[in-house]
Structure formats: C-alpha cells, structure tokens
C-alpha cells in the first residue's frame, strides 16, 4: 500500500516540476502588450464655389385639377347605370340614365306642334303673296311677324325645351376622368343630390405651407418634388402661385402643379421639397461639420499632415449639404481651394495628426 501511494505522489509531482521551469523568449514576447499608435484616417475634399440646391421642406395635400359632383337635373328612377367607382370614362360618355317616359311623350308632342307650326307659317306667307317654295326671299321683318302669328316661334322654343329635358334624363361626363362616390344601382330613385363625382387625375394641384422667413425664396416657376408618404419615388412639378399674405400661424400658402402618376389620388397627403439653385456658394457635406464648444466647426487639412480647427457659420442646409462661411468673429478663415476633412473627424482636435485614406 505504501509503495502505491509513493508512486502516485511521484506521478503528480512531475508536471509541476516541468511547469516551474524557465520560459523561453517566445513566451515572453507573446505575453507583452505591443503599443500601436492610433491613426486618424480621414477623407478630404477641395473646397470650391458651386451651385447650392436650397430646399424648403413641407407637407401638402393633393387636389385633382378638375373635380365635379354630377347630378341629374330632375329626379326619377334609374333605368341603367353604366359606370363604376374607379372606372375611367371619356368626355360625353353616358354614366346613367333615368326612366322618363313622360319626357319622351313631351318631346313627341313638341315635335308634332312644330310640324303644324311650320305649315301655319307657310299659310301666313302665302296669304301675303310670297312663294312658299322660296322663303329665303322673304324680308327679315316680314318673316319675324309671320313666325309670331303662326305660332312657329313658340313651337320652336317648346321643342328646344323638350329636347333639353330629354337630354337631362341621361347623365354624361363633362370631361374625361375617373368615377368616384357612386353608390346608386339600377332601379334606385334619385333626386337632386349628387349621383357621383368625376375626378380628372391627369394633373394635381399641391397645396402646402411655408414659413414666413422662406417667403422671399418662393416664386412661381420654382421646381418642386412631391413624395407620397411611404414612397421614395418623386413626382416633379412647379410652383404656380404664392399667396402674398402671412396667416396667423406665420405661414404662407403655396400651390404647385404636378402631372398625374400611378398611385396619386385626390386628397392624398404628400411630402413636398422646393428646390432653388443658389450659385457661387461654399458647399460641404453635412458630415464635414461637427460641434466643438457648442459651435459649428470643420477641419481643414494641410501638407504638414495635421487637421486645423476652423469655426464656421451655416447659412443654409438641404438634405445632405451645408453652405458655410468662416466665423470671422472667432478669427476663422476659410477660402476656396482649402482641403476640408469630410470623414474621420468626429474625434479630432486642433492640430491632430491625420492620415489621408487611400483612394
């Protein structure tokens, strides 16, 4: 038993003896932390005067260029409905028709009365010695009196009225467009209320507001981009009018016109961007401007490999760029041709050493 215990203790001690031996140079090298100096890798751009696309952002509402609520001149029972909601119809197309047999009878009576009046007119002219085969030779004053005496003028007026009433039994489209708000069906009785709405969606007006400080930048003819909410595909148009009054909320009413496009409907809410090109500006990406001491600064790069802190004022902004000038009140200088750091500048300080990113 004692021999077995001694053997077991000897086996356990062998690994401990090897682990306590001297370590090689390779182990010492792997155990040391190697210091790597931090490099500030940056991208730069050369500052140039260029056109700046000034943008005014707003929300607006679409309204069709033409929209009309259509109704019958008189009530009645629908004998037929020939359109449906969403259907596109052409000008003059019959949308629905009333069952008006009484109007048909009135029209026929007016036609018969007109035929009798024509015969009576010829009798009057013959009695005055004029040839009935050549009414064109009758003087205008004589013809006018003859038409009155024969009842011809009254009969002609009654026929025109009967034809007008009969035409009112059919509801037609006054312009090409899309049918909306149609609720009635065949055999329904309708009155003077609107039967449907016709929408001309070939073009839309966009009504939106701008702040009073932006009024000087707005004028008819400026380009606009309209984005339906949930879509990144713009529809382009132009401002058509700017209301020269400021409302109680300090806003200006603006209207633009855009062409119709798939997915646009009357009453839709949209995002509006007004664009105006301002020439000769120092334009930098938004990423070039950072905040230091609660002020806007950018960094310029010089041949000594350092970043130089430059205070700037932002004159205007759009979705991705700023127009900047040097903040002379802070002793800053910024000129065309300067190389501006546009990335890698978040942790820079004045006189930081930087390395240009490889192209």
Protein backbone atom coordinates (compact mmCIF):
# COMPACT_ATOMS: atom_id res chain seq x y z
CA UNK A 1 0.00 0.00 0.00
CA UNK A 2 2.86 2.44 0.90
CA UNK A 3 4.60 1.71 -2.36
CA UNK A 4 1.45 2.53 -4.33
CA UNK A 5 1.00 5.89 -2.55
CA UNK A 6 4.63 6.88 -3.21
CA UNK A 7 4.26 6.09 -6.89
CA UNK A 8 1.07 8.15 -7.17
CA UNK A 9 2.66 11.18 -5.49
CA UNK A 10 5.66 10.97 -7.83
CA UNK A 11 3.45 11.00 -10.93
CA UNK A 12 1.56 14.06 -9.66
CA UNK A 13 4.78 15.97 -8.99
CA UNK A 14 6.32 15.54 -12.47
CA UNK A 15 4.02 18.04 -14.34
CA UNK A 16 4.52 20.58 -11.55
CA UNK A 17 8.28 20.41 -11.92
CA UNK A 18 8.12 20.98 -15.68
CA UNK A 19 5.71 23.92 -15.31
CA UNK A 20 8.06 25.67 -12.90
CA UNK A 21 10.96 25.55 -15.32
CA UNK A 22 12.29 28.70 -17.15
CA UNK A 23 10.13 30.06 -20.03
CA UNK A 24 11.53 30.64 -23.49
CA UNK A 25 11.84 34.01 -25.21
CA UNK A 26 8.82 33.30 -27.42
CA UNK A 27 6.57 33.04 -24.33
CA UNK A 28 7.81 36.39 -23.05
CA UNK A 29 7.12 38.06 -26.40
CA UNK A 30 3.57 36.71 -26.56
CA UNK A 31 2.83 37.88 -23.04
CA UNK A 32 3.80 41.52 -23.69
CA UNK A 33 1.27 44.15 -24.95
CA UNK A 34 2.55 45.76 -28.09
CA UNK A 35 1.78 49.55 -28.31
CA UNK A 36 0.29 50.62 -31.58
CA UNK A 37 -0.07 54.41 -32.04
CA UNK A 38 -3.62 55.44 -33.07
CA UNK A 39 -4.01 56.78 -36.60
CA UNK A 40 -6.68 59.26 -37.60
CA UNK A 41 -7.58 58.23 -41.15
CA UNK A 42 -9.58 60.93 -42.93
CA UNK A 43 -11.08 61.78 -46.31
CA UNK A 44 -10.84 65.26 -47.74
CA UNK A 45 -12.45 67.38 -50.45
CA UNK A 46 -11.22 70.54 -52.15
CA UNK A 47 -13.48 73.46 -51.35
CA UNK A 48 -14.97 75.08 -54.46
CA UNK A 49 -17.73 77.61 -55.07
CA UNK A 50 -20.64 75.81 -56.67
CA UNK A 51 -24.41 75.89 -57.07
CA UNK A 52 -26.28 75.03 -53.91
CA UNK A 53 -29.70 73.38 -54.17
CA UNK A 54 -31.62 75.21 -51.48
CA UNK A 55 -34.53 73.14 -50.19
CA UNK A 56 -37.72 74.03 -48.37
CA UNK A 57 -39.45 71.05 -46.77
CA UNK A 58 -43.19 70.89 -46.13
CA UNK A 59 -46.24 68.64 -46.11
CA UNK A 60 -49.08 69.13 -48.57
CA UNK A 61 -52.35 67.78 -49.90
CA UNK A 62 -53.22 66.79 -53.46
CA UNK A 63 -56.33 68.04 -55.22
CA UNK A 64 -57.29 66.98 -58.73
CA UNK A 65 -57.01 69.69 -61.36
CA UNK A 66 -60.73 69.19 -62.10
CA UNK A 67 -63.36 67.56 -59.92
CA UNK A 68 -67.14 67.79 -60.22
CA UNK A 69 -70.12 66.38 -58.36
CA UNK A 70 -72.57 65.23 -61.06
CA UNK A 71 -76.34 65.10 -60.60
CA UNK A 72 -79.48 64.80 -62.73
CA UNK A 73 -81.48 67.99 -63.44
CA UNK A 74 -84.58 66.22 -62.14
CA UNK A 75 -85.36 63.12 -60.12
CA UNK A 76 -86.53 59.74 -61.28
CA UNK A 77 -85.87 56.01 -61.33
CA UNK A 78 -82.60 54.77 -62.77
CA UNK A 79 -83.15 52.63 -65.84
CA UNK A 80 -79.44 51.93 -66.21
CA UNK A 81 -76.05 52.59 -64.55
CA UNK A 82 -73.13 52.33 -66.94
CA UNK A 83 -70.13 53.21 -64.74
CA UNK A 84 -68.45 52.03 -61.56
CA UNK A 85 -66.16 53.54 -58.94
CA UNK A 86 -62.62 53.82 -60.21
CA UNK A 87 -63.62 53.45 -63.85
CA UNK A 88 -62.03 55.88 -66.29
CA UNK A 89 -64.51 57.44 -68.70
CA UNK A 90 -64.20 59.78 -71.67
CA UNK A 91 -65.89 63.12 -72.13
CA UNK A 92 -69.50 62.66 -73.28
CA UNK A 93 -69.79 59.07 -72.02
CA UNK A 94 -73.23 58.20 -70.58
CA UNK A 95 -72.84 57.30 -66.89
CA UNK A 96 -76.50 56.58 -66.08
CA UNK A 97 -79.98 57.11 -67.47
CA UNK A 98 -83.41 57.82 -65.93
CA UNK A 99 -86.63 56.07 -66.90
CA UNK A 100 -88.56 59.17 -68.01
CA UNK A 101 -91.31 58.10 -70.38
CA UNK A 102 -93.14 61.35 -69.66
CA UNK A 103 -90.25 63.31 -71.13
CA UNK A 104 -90.31 61.16 -74.27
CA UNK A 105 -94.03 61.90 -74.70
CA UNK A 106 -93.45 65.61 -74.18
CA UNK A 107 -90.73 65.57 -76.82
CA UNK A 108 -93.01 63.84 -79.32
CA UNK A 109 -95.79 66.38 -78.64
CA UNK A 110 -93.35 69.23 -79.20
CA UNK A 111 -92.22 67.72 -82.48
CA UNK A 112 -95.84 67.45 -83.71
CA UNK A 113 -96.55 71.01 -82.65
CA UNK A 114 -93.50 72.15 -84.56
CA UNK A 115 -94.66 70.41 -87.73
CA UNK A 116 -98.08 72.15 -87.50
CA UNK A 117 -96.42 75.50 -86.86
CA UNK A 118 -94.29 75.12 -89.98
CA UNK A 119 -97.46 74.59 -92.09
CA UNK A 120 -99.17 77.58 -90.47
CA UNK A 121 -96.11 79.72 -91.24
CA UNK A 122 -96.29 78.83 -94.91
CA UNK A 123 -100.01 79.72 -94.95
CA UNK A 124 -99.28 83.15 -93.47
CA UNK A 125 -96.53 83.82 -96.03
CA UNK A 126 -98.75 82.66 -98.90
CA UNK A 127 -101.50 84.99 -97.70
CA UNK A 128 -99.07 87.89 -98.02
CA UNK A 129 -98.18 86.97 -101.58
CA UNK A 130 -94.87 85.20 -101.02
CA UNK A 131 -93.97 81.96 -102.76
CA UNK A 132 -93.80 79.14 -100.21
CA UNK A 133 -91.11 77.46 -102.30
CA UNK A 134 -88.74 80.42 -101.82
CA UNK A 135 -88.89 81.55 -98.18
CA UNK A 136 -85.33 82.82 -98.42
CA UNK A 137 -86.57 85.83 -100.41
CA UNK A 138 -88.93 86.92 -97.60
CA UNK A 139 -87.68 90.12 -95.82
CA UNK A 140 -86.48 89.53 -92.27
CA UNK A 141 -89.10 91.78 -90.67
CA UNK A 142 -91.93 90.10 -92.59
CA UNK A 143 -90.63 86.63 -91.63
CA UNK A 144 -90.42 87.59 -87.96
CA UNK A 145 -94.04 88.78 -87.90
CA UNK A 146 -95.20 85.67 -89.79
CA UNK A 147 -93.46 83.37 -87.30
CA UNK A 148 -95.19 85.12 -84.41
CA UNK A 149 -98.66 84.98 -86.00
CA UNK A 150 -98.33 81.31 -86.98
CA UNK A 151 -97.07 80.19 -83.57
CA UNK A 152 -93.86 78.99 -85.19
CA UNK A 153 -91.58 80.85 -82.74
CA UNK A 154 -93.39 79.40 -79.69
CA UNK A 155 -93.36 75.89 -81.13
CA UNK A 156 -89.63 76.08 -81.83
CA UNK A 157 -88.94 77.21 -78.26
CA UNK A 158 -91.11 74.41 -76.84
CA UNK A 159 -89.26 71.83 -78.95
CA UNK A 160 -85.90 73.08 -77.73
CA UNK A 161 -87.11 72.82 -74.15
CA UNK A 162 -88.41 69.28 -74.64
CA UNK A 163 -85.13 68.20 -76.18
CA UNK A 164 -83.20 69.76 -73.28
CA UNK A 165 -85.35 67.94 -70.71
CA UNK A 166 -84.98 64.65 -72.57
CA UNK A 167 -81.21 65.05 -72.71
CA UNK A 168 -81.25 65.57 -68.92
CA UNK A 169 -82.52 62.02 -68.46
CA UNK A 170 -79.02 60.83 -69.41
CA UNK A 171 -76.10 61.81 -67.14
CA UNK A 172 -72.95 62.33 -69.23
CA UNK A 173 -69.33 63.04 -68.32
CA UNK A 174 -68.44 66.73 -68.88
CA UNK A 175 -64.74 65.83 -69.12
CA UNK A 176 -62.55 62.74 -69.12
CA UNK A 177 -61.74 61.36 -65.70
CA UNK A 178 -62.26 58.68 -63.09
CA UNK A 179 -65.62 57.94 -61.42
CA UNK A 180 -65.85 58.15 -57.63
CA UNK A 181 -68.51 58.21 -54.87
CA UNK A 182 -71.04 56.24 -56.94
CA UNK A 183 -73.48 54.49 -54.60
CA UNK A 184 -76.72 54.05 -56.63
CA UNK A 185 -77.81 50.98 -58.57
CA UNK A 186 -80.31 50.31 -61.32
CA UNK A 187 -83.98 50.92 -60.30
CA UNK A 188 -82.92 53.20 -57.42
CA UNK A 189 -84.77 56.51 -57.23
CA UNK A 190 -82.54 59.56 -57.30
CA UNK A 191 -83.26 63.22 -56.66
CA UNK A 192 -81.22 66.38 -56.90
CA UNK A 193 -78.38 65.03 -54.75
CA UNK A 194 -75.03 64.21 -56.45
CA UNK A 195 -75.12 60.89 -58.29
CA UNK A 196 -71.30 60.53 -58.42
CA UNK A 197 -68.06 62.53 -58.52
CA UNK A 198 -65.88 62.78 -61.60
CA UNK A 199 -62.16 63.33 -60.96
CA UNK A 200 -59.69 64.43 -63.62
CA UNK A 201 -56.45 62.94 -62.27
CA UNK A 202 -54.33 63.84 -65.29
CA UNK A 203 -52.78 66.56 -63.12
CA UNK A 204 -52.88 67.63 -59.47
CA UNK A 205 -52.53 70.83 -57.51
CA UNK A 206 -50.41 70.52 -54.37
CA UNK A 207 -51.34 72.91 -51.56
CA UNK A 208 -48.72 73.35 -48.85
CA UNK A 209 -47.40 75.94 -46.41
CA UNK A 210 -44.01 77.58 -45.90
CA UNK A 211 -42.66 79.69 -43.05
CA UNK A 212 -42.76 83.45 -43.44
CA UNK A 213 -38.96 83.55 -43.39
CA UNK A 214 -38.99 81.46 -46.58
CA UNK A 215 -41.39 83.76 -48.43
CA UNK A 216 -38.59 85.63 -50.24
CA UNK A 217 -37.29 82.34 -51.63
CA UNK A 218 -40.64 81.33 -53.14
CA UNK A 219 -41.85 82.35 -56.58
CA UNK A 220 -43.89 80.81 -59.42
CA UNK A 221 -41.83 78.56 -61.63
CA UNK A 222 -39.63 77.06 -58.91
CA UNK A 223 -39.26 73.31 -59.12
CA UNK A 224 -40.87 71.06 -56.53
CA UNK A 225 -40.57 67.37 -55.76
CA UNK A 226 -43.58 65.59 -54.33
CA UNK A 227 -43.23 62.31 -52.44
CA UNK A 228 -46.30 60.27 -51.43
CA UNK A 229 -45.80 59.04 -47.87
CA UNK A 230 -44.22 55.61 -47.90
CA UNK A 231 -42.64 56.16 -51.32
CA UNK A 232 -39.18 57.35 -52.37
CA UNK A 233 -40.18 57.95 -55.99
CA UNK A 234 -40.72 61.70 -56.53
CA UNK A 235 -43.12 63.41 -58.91
CA UNK A 236 -41.74 66.70 -60.21
CA UNK A 237 -43.67 69.90 -60.81
CA UNK A 238 -43.53 73.68 -60.45
CA UNK A 239 -44.99 76.33 -58.17
CA UNK A 240 -47.96 78.08 -59.79
CA UNK A 241 -48.89 80.61 -57.11
CA UNK A 242 -47.72 82.07 -53.79
CA UNK A 243 -50.28 83.82 -51.59
CA UNK A 244 -48.84 87.25 -50.64
CA UNK A 245 -50.28 87.12 -47.11
CA UNK A 246 -48.96 85.67 -43.85
CA UNK A 247 -51.57 83.80 -41.80
CA UNK A 248 -51.95 83.93 -38.03
CA UNK A 249 -49.56 80.97 -37.70
CA UNK A 250 -46.78 82.79 -39.57
CA UNK A 251 -47.14 80.67 -42.69
CA UNK A 252 -47.54 81.30 -46.41
CA UNK A 253 -49.94 79.32 -48.61
CA UNK A 254 -48.28 77.91 -51.73
CA UNK A 255 -49.70 75.93 -54.65
CA UNK A 256 -47.80 73.80 -57.16
CA UNK A 257 -48.90 71.76 -60.16
CA UNK A 258 -47.68 68.23 -60.88
CA UNK A 259 -48.59 65.69 -63.54
CA UNK A 260 -50.74 62.72 -62.67
CA UNK A 261 -48.93 59.50 -61.84
CA UNK A 262 -49.75 55.99 -60.71
CA UNK A 263 -50.70 55.89 -57.05
CA UNK A 264 -51.71 59.56 -56.77
CA UNK A 265 -55.30 60.27 -55.73
CA UNK A 266 -57.28 63.34 -54.77
CA UNK A 267 -56.92 64.22 -51.07
CA UNK A 268 -53.63 62.32 -50.61
CA UNK A 269 -51.11 63.74 -48.11
CA UNK A 270 -47.60 64.15 -49.51
CA UNK A 271 -44.14 65.45 -48.65
CA UNK A 272 -43.02 68.48 -50.65
CA UNK A 273 -39.48 69.68 -51.36
CA UNK A 274 -39.00 73.04 -53.06
CA UNK A 275 -35.64 73.41 -54.80
CA UNK A 276 -33.89 76.64 -55.76
CA UNK A 277 -30.38 76.82 -57.20
CA UNK A 278 -28.17 79.41 -55.45
CA UNK A 279 -24.90 79.94 -57.36
CA UNK A 280 -21.41 80.64 -56.03
CA UNK A 281 -21.65 79.03 -52.58
CA UNK A 282 -19.08 77.17 -50.45
CA UNK A 283 -20.83 73.81 -50.09
CA UNK A 284 -19.66 70.95 -47.88
CA UNK A 285 -21.29 67.63 -46.93
CA UNK A 286 -23.09 67.63 -43.61
CA UNK A 287 -20.53 65.13 -42.33
CA UNK A 288 -17.81 67.81 -42.59
CA UNK A 289 -19.34 69.97 -39.84
CA UNK A 290 -19.04 68.90 -36.21
CA UNK A 291 -19.78 70.58 -32.87
CA UNK A 292 -17.00 71.94 -30.66
CA UNK A 293 -17.61 74.30 -27.72
CA UNK A 294 -21.28 74.36 -28.79
CA UNK A 295 -20.25 75.95 -32.11
CA UNK A 296 -20.08 74.63 -35.65
CA UNK A 297 -16.57 73.79 -36.82
CA UNK A 298 -14.90 71.93 -39.63
CA UNK A 299 -11.33 70.74 -40.04
CA UNK A 300 -9.01 71.63 -42.88
CA UNK A 301 -6.06 69.50 -43.90
CA UNK A 302 -2.61 70.92 -44.61
CA UNK A 303 0.53 69.45 -46.10
CA UNK A 304 2.08 69.01 -42.64
CA UNK A 305 -0.42 66.18 -42.10
CA UNK A 306 -2.45 67.97 -39.46
CA UNK A 307 -6.09 68.89 -39.03
CA UNK A 308 -6.78 72.54 -38.28
CA UNK A 309 -9.86 73.58 -36.37
CA UNK A 310 -11.97 76.19 -38.22
CA UNK A 311 -15.09 77.86 -36.85
CA UNK A 312 -17.88 78.30 -39.44
CA UNK A 313 -21.39 79.68 -39.76
CA UNK A 314 -24.01 77.66 -41.61
CA UNK A 315 -26.01 79.87 -43.98
CA UNK A 316 -28.33 77.22 -45.45
CA UNK A 317 -28.85 73.48 -45.48
CA UNK A 318 -30.56 70.80 -47.53
CA UNK A 319 -30.89 67.05 -47.12
CA UNK A 320 -27.16 66.33 -47.41
CA UNK A 321 -25.17 69.59 -47.57
CA UNK A 322 -24.41 72.88 -45.79
CA UNK A 323 -23.50 76.30 -47.15
CA UNK A 324 -20.71 77.58 -44.87
CA UNK A 325 -18.64 80.71 -44.37
CA UNK A 326 -15.83 81.40 -41.92
CA UNK A 327 -16.89 82.59 -38.48
CA UNK A 328 -14.83 85.79 -38.55
CA UNK A 329 -15.98 86.67 -35.04
CA UNK A 330 -13.87 83.70 -33.88
CA UNK A 331 -10.93 84.64 -36.06
CA UNK A 332 -11.57 81.85 -38.58
CA UNK A 333 -10.53 81.82 -42.23
CA UNK A 334 -12.00 79.69 -45.00
CA UNK A 335 -11.24 80.09 -48.68
CA UNK A 336 -11.85 78.36 -51.96
CA UNK A 337 -9.15 75.73 -52.52
CA UNK A 338 -8.90 74.68 -48.87
CA UNK A 339 -8.94 70.94 -48.30
CA UNK A 340 -11.80 70.09 -45.94
CA UNK A 341 -11.95 66.87 -43.95
CA UNK A 342 -15.31 65.18 -44.64
CA UNK A 343 -14.95 61.89 -42.73
CA UNK A 344 -12.99 60.59 -39.77
CA UNK A 345 -13.36 63.94 -38.00
CA UNK A 346 -15.58 63.03 -35.04
CA UNK A 347 -12.72 62.68 -32.53
CA UNK A 348 -10.26 65.21 -33.96
CA UNK A 349 -8.81 68.14 -32.07
CA UNK A 350 -6.94 71.15 -33.34
CA UNK A 351 -3.52 70.18 -34.73
CA UNK A 352 -4.37 66.45 -34.65
CA UNK A 353 -2.13 64.40 -36.90
CA UNK A 354 -4.10 62.67 -39.61
CA UNK A 355 -3.52 60.25 -42.45
CA UNK A 356 -5.31 60.51 -45.78
CA UNK A 357 -7.40 57.49 -46.68
CA UNK A 358 -6.14 55.57 -49.64
CA UNK A 359 -8.20 56.19 -52.79
